[in-house]
C-alpha cells in the first residue's frame, strides 16, 4: 500500500494507547545506536504523558491508519515552551512534539507526509517558527529532518528522562 493513500485522522486522548505503542516501537529502535545499558522509558509513563498532552487545547495530533485500522504512524505539535521552565511558553513558536512511523512504513514517504501536515498545521495556527528535539545519536532521524528543511545549531541538550542527548532542530514557517 502507498503511504499517500493511508487514512489520516486527528487523534484524541482515547488514542493514547495506540500512539504510545507506535512511540514505543520508535524508542525500541534507539537500541541500535543508544549507549550500552540504555532502556526505553516505561510504557506506562508514555501512555499517561500522551493522554495528558492530547487534552491541551494547544496540542494537535494526527495519526495515519492502515485500512484495517492498525496505526502506521503519527505526528503531534504543541506550543513551544522553555526547556528549563516548561510553564513558560515561547511566543510565536510551535514544538513538533513527536513524529513516529512504525518500521514497516520506514522509507515509504509516510514520515514526510506527516511532517508536512504538522508544519502546515503550525503555519495555519499562526506560528512563525517550529522546533523539535531529536536524539543526537539517531542519524536516521537527523538525516530525515535535514532533508525536510530543518536545521540545527548542533548544541547537545541532555535529556535526563531519556538518558540521552538531544539536538534542537528548527525551521521558519
N, C-alpha and C. Protein backbone atom coordinates (compact mmCIF):
# COMPACT_ATOMS: atom_id res chain seq x y z
N UNK A 1 0.84 -1.18 0.00
CA UNK A 1 0.00 0.00 0.00
C UNK A 1 0.88 1.24 0.00
N UNK A 2 0.44 2.24 -0.69
CA UNK A 2 1.15 3.51 -0.81
C UNK A 2 0.85 4.39 0.40
N UNK A 3 1.88 5.01 0.96
CA UNK A 3 1.71 5.87 2.13
C UNK A 3 0.77 7.04 1.85
N UNK A 4 0.72 7.49 0.61
CA UNK A 4 -0.15 8.62 0.26
C UNK A 4 -1.62 8.25 0.35
N UNK A 5 -1.94 6.96 0.33
CA UNK A 5 -3.34 6.56 0.38
C UNK A 5 -3.83 6.19 1.78
N UNK A 6 -2.95 6.23 2.76
CA UNK A 6 -3.37 5.92 4.13
C UNK A 6 -4.34 6.98 4.65
N UNK A 7 -5.32 6.53 5.41
CA UNK A 7 -6.23 7.46 6.08
C UNK A 7 -5.44 8.18 7.18
N UNK A 8 -5.67 9.47 7.29
CA UNK A 8 -5.08 10.25 8.39
C UNK A 8 -6.22 10.95 9.09
N UNK A 9 -6.26 10.78 10.41
CA UNK A 9 -7.31 11.43 11.20
C UNK A 9 -6.69 12.07 12.43
N UNK A 10 -7.44 13.00 13.00
CA UNK A 10 -6.99 13.68 14.22
C UNK A 10 -7.10 12.70 15.38
N UNK A 11 -6.07 12.67 16.21
CA UNK A 11 -6.04 11.80 17.39
C UNK A 11 -6.50 12.57 18.62
N UNK A 12 -7.10 11.83 19.54
CA UNK A 12 -7.55 12.41 20.80
C UNK A 12 -7.07 11.58 21.97
N UNK A 13 -7.42 11.97 23.19
CA UNK A 13 -6.97 11.24 24.39
C UNK A 13 -7.27 9.75 24.36
N UNK A 14 -8.37 9.34 23.72
CA UNK A 14 -8.69 7.91 23.65
C UNK A 14 -7.72 7.12 22.79
N UNK A 15 -6.90 7.82 22.00
CA UNK A 15 -5.91 7.17 21.13
C UNK A 15 -4.55 7.03 21.81
N UNK A 16 -4.45 7.43 23.06
CA UNK A 16 -3.15 7.46 23.74
C UNK A 16 -2.44 6.10 23.73
N UNK A 17 -3.17 5.03 23.95
CA UNK A 17 -2.53 3.70 23.98
C UNK A 17 -1.96 3.33 22.62
N UNK A 18 -2.71 3.59 21.56
CA UNK A 18 -2.22 3.29 20.20
C UNK A 18 -1.01 4.16 19.86
N UNK A 19 -1.07 5.43 20.22
CA UNK A 19 0.06 6.32 19.96
C UNK A 19 1.28 5.88 20.76
N UNK A 20 1.06 5.48 22.00
CA UNK A 20 2.17 5.02 22.85
C UNK A 20 2.80 3.75 22.29
N UNK A 21 1.99 2.87 21.70
CA UNK A 21 2.54 1.64 21.13
C UNK A 21 3.46 1.95 19.95
N UNK A 22 3.06 2.90 19.11
CA UNK A 22 3.91 3.30 17.99
C UNK A 22 5.16 4.02 18.50
N UNK A 23 4.98 4.88 19.49
CA UNK A 23 6.11 5.59 20.09
C UNK A 23 7.08 4.58 20.68
N UNK A 24 6.56 3.57 21.32
CA UNK A 24 7.39 2.53 21.94
C UNK A 24 8.26 1.84 20.89
N UNK A 25 7.70 1.52 19.72
CA UNK A 25 8.48 0.91 18.65
C UNK A 25 9.62 1.84 18.22
N UNK A 26 9.33 3.14 18.18
CA UNK A 26 10.37 4.10 17.86
C UNK A 26 11.47 4.10 18.90
N UNK A 27 11.09 4.14 20.18
CA UNK A 27 12.09 4.12 21.25
C UNK A 27 12.90 2.82 21.22
N UNK A 28 12.25 1.71 20.94
CA UNK A 28 12.98 0.44 20.88
C UNK A 28 14.00 0.42 19.76
N UNK A 29 13.74 1.17 18.68
CA UNK A 29 14.71 1.25 17.59
C UNK A 29 15.97 2.01 18.02
N UNK A 30 15.88 2.80 19.09
CA UNK A 30 17.05 3.52 19.61
C UNK A 30 18.11 2.54 20.11
N UNK A 31 17.71 1.32 20.43
CA UNK A 31 18.67 0.33 20.93
C UNK A 31 19.77 0.04 19.91
N UNK A 32 19.51 0.34 18.63
CA UNK A 32 20.50 0.11 17.58
C UNK A 32 21.71 1.06 17.70
N UNK A 33 21.52 2.23 18.33
CA UNK A 33 22.61 3.22 18.39
C UNK A 33 22.82 3.80 19.79
N UNK A 34 21.90 3.58 20.70
CA UNK A 34 22.00 4.16 22.06
C UNK A 34 23.17 3.53 22.82
N UNK A 35 23.64 4.21 23.87
CA UNK A 35 24.74 3.67 24.68
C UNK A 35 24.36 2.33 25.32
N UNK A 36 25.36 1.51 25.58
CA UNK A 36 25.12 0.23 26.25
C UNK A 36 24.36 0.46 27.56
N UNK A 37 23.38 -0.38 27.81
CA UNK A 37 22.61 -0.29 29.04
C UNK A 37 21.41 0.63 28.95
N UNK A 38 21.28 1.40 27.84
CA UNK A 38 20.14 2.30 27.71
C UNK A 38 18.86 1.49 27.55
N UNK A 39 17.78 1.98 28.15
CA UNK A 39 16.47 1.34 28.02
C UNK A 39 15.42 2.40 27.73
N UNK A 40 14.39 2.05 26.94
CA UNK A 40 13.30 3.00 26.69
C UNK A 40 12.57 3.34 27.99
N UNK A 41 11.92 4.50 28.04
CA UNK A 41 11.15 4.85 29.24
C UNK A 41 10.00 3.87 29.44
N UNK A 42 9.50 3.75 30.65
CA UNK A 42 8.39 2.83 30.91
C UNK A 42 7.16 3.19 30.08
N UNK A 43 6.52 2.17 29.53
CA UNK A 43 5.34 2.39 28.67
C UNK A 43 4.22 3.12 29.42
N UNK A 44 4.07 2.84 30.71
CA UNK A 44 3.01 3.50 31.49
C UNK A 44 3.18 5.01 31.51
N UNK A 45 4.43 5.48 31.55
CA UNK A 45 4.68 6.92 31.51
C UNK A 45 4.30 7.51 30.15
N UNK A 46 4.58 6.76 29.09
CA UNK A 46 4.26 7.23 27.74
C UNK A 46 2.75 7.42 27.58
N UNK A 47 1.98 6.41 27.96
CA UNK A 47 0.52 6.49 27.80
C UNK A 47 -0.03 7.68 28.58
N UNK A 48 0.37 7.80 29.83
CA UNK A 48 -0.14 8.90 30.67
C UNK A 48 0.26 10.25 30.10
N UNK A 49 1.52 10.40 29.71
CA UNK A 49 2.01 11.68 29.19
C UNK A 49 1.31 12.05 27.87
N UNK A 50 1.13 11.07 27.00
CA UNK A 50 0.46 11.34 25.72
C UNK A 50 -1.00 11.73 25.96
N UNK A 51 -1.69 10.98 26.79
CA UNK A 51 -3.10 11.29 27.08
C UNK A 51 -3.24 12.71 27.64
N UNK A 52 -2.36 13.06 28.57
CA UNK A 52 -2.43 14.39 29.18
C UNK A 52 -2.15 15.49 28.15
N UNK A 53 -1.13 15.28 27.32
CA UNK A 53 -0.78 16.30 26.31
C UNK A 53 -1.92 16.48 25.32
N UNK A 54 -2.59 15.40 24.95
CA UNK A 54 -3.68 15.49 23.97
C UNK A 54 -4.90 16.24 24.52
N UNK A 55 -4.96 16.43 25.81
CA UNK A 55 -6.07 17.18 26.41
C UNK A 55 -5.87 18.70 26.32
N UNK A 56 -4.66 19.14 26.01
CA UNK A 56 -4.38 20.57 25.93
C UNK A 56 -4.91 21.16 24.63
N UNK A 57 -5.49 22.32 24.71
CA UNK A 57 -6.05 22.95 23.51
C UNK A 57 -4.98 23.36 22.52
N UNK A 58 -3.74 23.53 22.96
CA UNK A 58 -2.66 23.92 22.05
C UNK A 58 -2.04 22.73 21.33
N UNK A 59 -2.52 21.53 21.64
CA UNK A 59 -1.97 20.33 21.02
C UNK A 59 -2.81 19.88 19.84
N UNK A 60 -2.12 19.48 18.79
CA UNK A 60 -2.73 18.90 17.60
C UNK A 60 -1.96 17.62 17.30
N UNK A 61 -2.67 16.55 16.99
CA UNK A 61 -2.01 15.28 16.70
C UNK A 61 -2.81 14.56 15.61
N UNK A 62 -2.11 14.00 14.65
CA UNK A 62 -2.74 13.24 13.57
C UNK A 62 -2.10 11.86 13.51
N UNK A 63 -2.92 10.87 13.21
CA UNK A 63 -2.39 9.52 13.08
C UNK A 63 -2.80 8.92 11.74
N UNK A 64 -1.85 8.19 11.15
CA UNK A 64 -2.09 7.50 9.89
C UNK A 64 -2.50 6.07 10.20
N UNK A 65 -3.52 5.59 9.49
CA UNK A 65 -4.06 4.25 9.75
C UNK A 65 -4.07 3.41 8.47
N UNK A 66 -3.70 2.16 8.65
CA UNK A 66 -3.82 1.19 7.57
C UNK A 66 -5.31 0.89 7.38
N UNK A 67 -5.71 0.29 6.25
CA UNK A 67 -7.14 0.02 6.02
C UNK A 67 -7.81 -0.81 7.12
N UNK A 68 -7.04 -1.67 7.80
CA UNK A 68 -7.63 -2.48 8.88
C UNK A 68 -7.61 -1.76 10.23
N UNK A 69 -7.22 -0.47 10.23
CA UNK A 69 -7.22 0.32 11.46
C UNK A 69 -5.94 0.28 12.25
N UNK A 70 -4.96 -0.49 11.82
CA UNK A 70 -3.68 -0.56 12.53
C UNK A 70 -2.93 0.75 12.30
N UNK A 71 -2.42 1.38 13.37
CA UNK A 71 -1.66 2.61 13.20
C UNK A 71 -0.39 2.38 12.39
N UNK A 72 -0.10 3.32 11.51
CA UNK A 72 1.13 3.28 10.71
C UNK A 72 2.13 4.32 11.21
N UNK A 73 1.61 5.40 11.80
CA UNK A 73 2.47 6.47 12.32
C UNK A 73 1.64 7.62 12.83
N UNK A 74 2.31 8.58 13.44
CA UNK A 74 1.61 9.76 13.94
C UNK A 74 2.57 10.93 14.09
N UNK A 75 1.97 12.10 14.20
CA UNK A 75 2.73 13.33 14.41
C UNK A 75 1.91 14.25 15.30
N UNK A 76 2.59 15.01 16.14
CA UNK A 76 1.90 15.94 17.02
C UNK A 76 2.68 17.23 17.19
N UNK A 77 1.96 18.31 17.33
CA UNK A 77 2.58 19.60 17.64
C UNK A 77 1.87 20.21 18.84
N UNK A 78 2.56 21.13 19.47
CA UNK A 78 2.01 21.89 20.58
C UNK A 78 2.75 23.22 20.63
N UNK A 79 2.40 24.06 21.57
CA UNK A 79 3.09 25.34 21.72
C UNK A 79 4.46 25.08 22.35
N UNK A 80 5.50 25.72 21.84
CA UNK A 80 6.85 25.54 22.40
C UNK A 80 6.95 26.25 23.75
N UNK A 81 7.70 25.63 24.64
CA UNK A 81 7.96 26.24 25.94
C UNK A 81 9.45 26.11 26.23
N UNK A 82 9.89 26.85 27.23
CA UNK A 82 11.30 26.79 27.62
C UNK A 82 11.60 25.42 28.22
N UNK A 83 12.80 24.91 27.95
CA UNK A 83 13.16 23.59 28.49
C UNK A 83 13.30 23.63 30.01
N UNK A 84 13.89 24.68 30.53
CA UNK A 84 14.14 24.77 31.97
C UNK A 84 12.89 25.16 32.75
N UNK A 85 12.00 25.87 32.10
CA UNK A 85 10.75 26.32 32.74
C UNK A 85 9.60 25.97 31.80
N UNK A 86 9.13 24.74 31.89
CA UNK A 86 8.13 24.22 30.94
C UNK A 86 6.83 25.01 30.95
N UNK A 87 6.56 25.74 32.00
CA UNK A 87 5.32 26.53 32.07
C UNK A 87 5.44 27.85 31.30
N UNK A 88 6.63 28.22 30.85
CA UNK A 88 6.83 29.47 30.13
C UNK A 88 6.84 29.20 28.62
N UNK A 89 5.79 29.65 27.95
CA UNK A 89 5.67 29.43 26.51
C UNK A 89 6.53 30.42 25.73
N UNK A 90 7.00 29.99 24.57
CA UNK A 90 7.81 30.83 23.70
C UNK A 90 6.87 31.41 22.64
N UNK A 91 6.67 32.73 22.64
CA UNK A 91 5.73 33.35 21.70
C UNK A 91 6.11 33.05 20.24
N UNK A 92 5.09 32.71 19.44
CA UNK A 92 5.28 32.53 18.01
C UNK A 92 5.96 31.25 17.58
N UNK A 93 6.23 30.34 18.52
CA UNK A 93 6.95 29.12 18.16
C UNK A 93 6.16 27.87 18.55
N UNK A 94 6.02 26.97 17.59
CA UNK A 94 5.40 25.68 17.82
C UNK A 94 6.50 24.66 18.15
N UNK A 95 6.10 23.55 18.71
CA UNK A 95 7.03 22.45 19.02
C UNK A 95 6.50 21.18 18.38
N UNK A 96 7.32 20.57 17.53
CA UNK A 96 6.98 19.26 16.98
C UNK A 96 7.23 18.27 18.12
N UNK A 97 6.16 17.90 18.77
CA UNK A 97 6.20 17.11 19.99
C UNK A 97 6.64 15.68 19.70
N UNK A 98 6.12 15.08 18.65
CA UNK A 98 6.52 13.72 18.31
C UNK A 98 6.17 13.42 16.87
N UNK A 99 7.00 12.59 16.26
CA UNK A 99 6.75 12.06 14.93
C UNK A 99 7.35 10.65 14.92
N UNK A 100 6.49 9.65 14.87
CA UNK A 100 6.93 8.27 14.85
C UNK A 100 6.19 7.51 13.75
N UNK A 101 6.93 6.68 13.04
CA UNK A 101 6.37 5.83 12.00
C UNK A 101 6.78 4.40 12.32
N UNK A 102 5.84 3.48 12.23
CA UNK A 102 6.15 2.08 12.51
C UNK A 102 7.12 1.53 11.46
N UNK A 103 8.03 0.65 11.86
CA UNK A 103 9.08 0.16 10.95
C UNK A 103 8.63 -0.31 9.57
N UNK A 104 7.48 -0.99 9.43
CA UNK A 104 7.11 -1.40 8.06
C UNK A 104 6.91 -0.22 7.10
N UNK A 105 6.72 0.98 7.65
CA UNK A 105 6.47 2.16 6.83
C UNK A 105 7.71 3.03 6.66
N UNK A 106 8.83 2.65 7.27
CA UNK A 106 10.06 3.41 7.09
C UNK A 106 10.43 3.44 5.61
N UNK A 107 10.78 4.60 5.13
CA UNK A 107 11.19 4.75 3.73
C UNK A 107 10.03 4.82 2.75
N UNK A 108 8.80 4.83 3.25
CA UNK A 108 7.62 4.82 2.38
C UNK A 108 7.15 6.21 1.97
N UNK A 109 7.68 7.24 2.63
CA UNK A 109 7.19 8.60 2.41
C UNK A 109 6.18 9.04 3.46
N UNK A 110 5.78 8.13 4.34
CA UNK A 110 4.79 8.49 5.36
C UNK A 110 5.34 9.54 6.32
N UNK A 111 6.57 9.41 6.74
CA UNK A 111 7.14 10.41 7.66
C UNK A 111 7.13 11.79 7.02
N UNK A 112 7.48 11.87 5.75
CA UNK A 112 7.46 13.16 5.06
C UNK A 112 6.05 13.73 4.98
N UNK A 113 5.09 12.86 4.72
CA UNK A 113 3.69 13.31 4.68
C UNK A 113 3.25 13.85 6.03
N UNK A 114 3.56 13.11 7.10
CA UNK A 114 3.19 13.56 8.44
C UNK A 114 3.90 14.85 8.83
N UNK A 115 5.19 14.93 8.50
CA UNK A 115 5.94 16.15 8.77
C UNK A 115 5.30 17.35 8.06
N UNK A 116 4.94 17.16 6.80
CA UNK A 116 4.30 18.24 6.05
C UNK A 116 2.99 18.68 6.66
N UNK A 117 2.20 17.72 7.14
CA UNK A 117 0.94 18.06 7.80
C UNK A 117 1.18 18.88 9.06
N UNK A 118 2.18 18.48 9.85
CA UNK A 118 2.47 19.20 11.09
C UNK A 118 2.98 20.61 10.81
N UNK A 119 3.86 20.75 9.86
CA UNK A 119 4.39 22.08 9.51
C UNK A 119 3.26 22.95 8.99
N UNK A 120 2.39 22.38 8.16
CA UNK A 120 1.25 23.13 7.65
C UNK A 120 0.29 23.54 8.75
N UNK A 121 0.05 22.65 9.70
CA UNK A 121 -0.85 22.97 10.82
C UNK A 121 -0.26 24.08 11.68
N UNK A 122 1.04 24.02 11.94
CA UNK A 122 1.69 25.07 12.74
C UNK A 122 1.57 26.42 12.04
N UNK A 123 1.79 26.44 10.74
CA UNK A 123 1.66 27.70 9.99
C UNK A 123 0.21 28.20 10.03
N UNK A 124 -0.75 27.28 9.86
CA UNK A 124 -2.17 27.67 9.88
C UNK A 124 -2.58 28.23 11.24
N UNK A 125 -1.91 27.78 12.29
CA UNK A 125 -2.20 28.28 13.64
C UNK A 125 -1.51 29.61 13.93
N UNK A 126 -0.77 30.12 12.97
CA UNK A 126 -0.15 31.44 13.11
C UNK A 126 1.24 31.47 13.70
N UNK A 127 1.85 30.32 13.87
CA UNK A 127 3.23 30.30 14.39
C UNK A 127 4.19 30.82 13.32
N UNK A 128 5.26 31.47 13.76
CA UNK A 128 6.29 31.96 12.84
C UNK A 128 7.40 30.94 12.63
N UNK A 129 7.57 30.03 13.58
CA UNK A 129 8.63 29.03 13.51
C UNK A 129 8.18 27.78 14.27
N UNK A 130 8.90 26.70 14.03
CA UNK A 130 8.64 25.44 14.72
C UNK A 130 9.98 24.81 15.07
N UNK A 131 10.02 24.16 16.22
CA UNK A 131 11.25 23.49 16.64
C UNK A 131 10.92 22.06 17.06
N UNK A 132 11.96 21.23 17.15
CA UNK A 132 11.82 19.87 17.63
C UNK A 132 13.11 19.48 18.32
N UNK A 133 13.04 18.42 19.10
CA UNK A 133 14.22 17.82 19.74
C UNK A 133 14.28 16.37 19.30
N UNK A 134 15.44 15.96 18.81
CA UNK A 134 15.63 14.56 18.40
C UNK A 134 16.95 14.06 18.95
N UNK A 135 17.07 12.78 19.21
CA UNK A 135 18.31 12.26 19.77
C UNK A 135 19.52 12.54 18.86
N UNK A 136 20.58 13.02 19.46
CA UNK A 136 21.80 13.32 18.70
C UNK A 136 22.35 12.08 18.04
N UNK A 137 22.18 10.92 18.65
CA UNK A 137 22.72 9.69 18.10
C UNK A 137 21.87 9.03 17.03
N UNK A 138 20.69 9.58 16.77
CA UNK A 138 19.79 8.98 15.79
C UNK A 138 20.05 9.56 14.40
N UNK A 139 21.04 9.00 13.72
CA UNK A 139 21.45 9.52 12.41
C UNK A 139 20.32 9.47 11.40
N UNK A 140 19.49 8.44 11.46
CA UNK A 140 18.38 8.30 10.51
C UNK A 140 17.39 9.46 10.67
N UNK A 141 17.00 9.76 11.90
CA UNK A 141 16.06 10.86 12.15
C UNK A 141 16.68 12.19 11.77
N UNK A 142 17.93 12.39 12.13
CA UNK A 142 18.59 13.66 11.81
C UNK A 142 18.65 13.88 10.30
N UNK A 143 19.00 12.84 9.54
CA UNK A 143 19.06 12.96 8.08
C UNK A 143 17.67 13.28 7.51
N UNK A 144 16.64 12.65 8.06
CA UNK A 144 15.28 12.91 7.61
C UNK A 144 14.93 14.39 7.82
N UNK A 145 15.12 14.89 9.04
CA UNK A 145 14.74 16.27 9.31
C UNK A 145 15.54 17.24 8.45
N UNK A 146 16.79 16.98 8.24
CA UNK A 146 17.60 17.86 7.40
C UNK A 146 17.09 17.84 5.96
N UNK A 147 16.70 16.68 5.44
CA UNK A 147 16.11 16.61 4.09
C UNK A 147 14.80 17.39 4.01
N UNK A 148 14.08 17.44 5.14
CA UNK A 148 12.79 18.11 5.18
C UNK A 148 12.89 19.62 5.45
N UNK A 149 14.11 20.15 5.50
CA UNK A 149 14.28 21.60 5.64
C UNK A 149 14.53 22.11 7.04
N UNK A 150 14.74 21.22 7.99
CA UNK A 150 15.04 21.61 9.36
C UNK A 150 16.55 21.82 9.49
N UNK A 151 16.96 22.68 10.43
CA UNK A 151 18.39 22.87 10.69
C UNK A 151 18.64 22.92 12.19
N UNK A 152 19.87 22.58 12.58
CA UNK A 152 20.24 22.55 13.99
C UNK A 152 21.45 23.43 14.23
N UNK A 153 21.59 23.90 15.47
CA UNK A 153 22.79 24.64 15.84
C UNK A 153 23.87 23.68 16.37
N UNK A 154 23.54 22.41 16.54
CA UNK A 154 24.50 21.41 16.96
C UNK A 154 24.78 21.35 18.45
N UNK A 155 24.09 22.16 19.24
CA UNK A 155 24.31 22.16 20.69
C UNK A 155 23.57 20.98 21.31
N UNK A 156 24.31 20.16 22.07
CA UNK A 156 23.73 19.00 22.73
C UNK A 156 22.91 19.42 23.94
N UNK A 157 21.74 18.82 24.07
CA UNK A 157 20.84 19.09 25.19
C UNK A 157 20.65 17.79 25.96
N UNK A 158 21.20 17.68 27.16
CA UNK A 158 21.00 16.46 27.95
C UNK A 158 19.51 16.26 28.26
N UNK A 159 19.03 15.04 28.11
CA UNK A 159 17.63 14.73 28.42
C UNK A 159 17.61 13.63 29.48
N UNK A 160 17.47 14.04 30.75
CA UNK A 160 17.53 13.07 31.83
C UNK A 160 16.43 12.01 31.79
N UNK A 161 15.23 12.35 31.32
CA UNK A 161 14.15 11.37 31.27
C UNK A 161 14.45 10.24 30.29
N UNK A 162 15.15 10.56 29.21
CA UNK A 162 15.50 9.53 28.23
C UNK A 162 16.91 8.98 28.45
N UNK A 163 17.74 9.74 29.14
CA UNK A 163 19.10 9.31 29.37
C UNK A 163 19.99 9.41 28.14
N UNK A 164 19.64 10.30 27.22
CA UNK A 164 20.43 10.54 26.02
C UNK A 164 20.46 12.03 25.71
N UNK A 165 21.40 12.44 24.88
CA UNK A 165 21.47 13.84 24.47
C UNK A 165 20.59 14.07 23.25
N UNK A 166 19.98 15.24 23.22
CA UNK A 166 19.13 15.65 22.12
C UNK A 166 19.78 16.80 21.36
N UNK A 167 19.32 17.01 20.15
CA UNK A 167 19.65 18.20 19.37
C UNK A 167 18.34 18.91 19.06
N UNK A 168 18.39 20.24 19.08
CA UNK A 168 17.22 21.01 18.69
C UNK A 168 17.33 21.33 17.21
N UNK A 169 16.24 21.11 16.49
CA UNK A 169 16.11 21.50 15.09
C UNK A 169 15.03 22.56 15.01
N UNK A 170 15.13 23.41 13.99
CA UNK A 170 14.17 24.49 13.85
C UNK A 170 13.96 24.79 12.38
N UNK A 171 12.80 25.34 12.09
CA UNK A 171 12.55 25.88 10.75
C UNK A 171 11.53 27.00 10.84
N UNK A 172 11.70 27.96 9.98
CA UNK A 172 10.74 29.06 9.91
C UNK A 172 9.53 28.60 9.13
N UNK A 173 8.40 29.23 9.41
CA UNK A 173 7.15 28.88 8.73
C UNK A 173 6.71 30.00 7.80
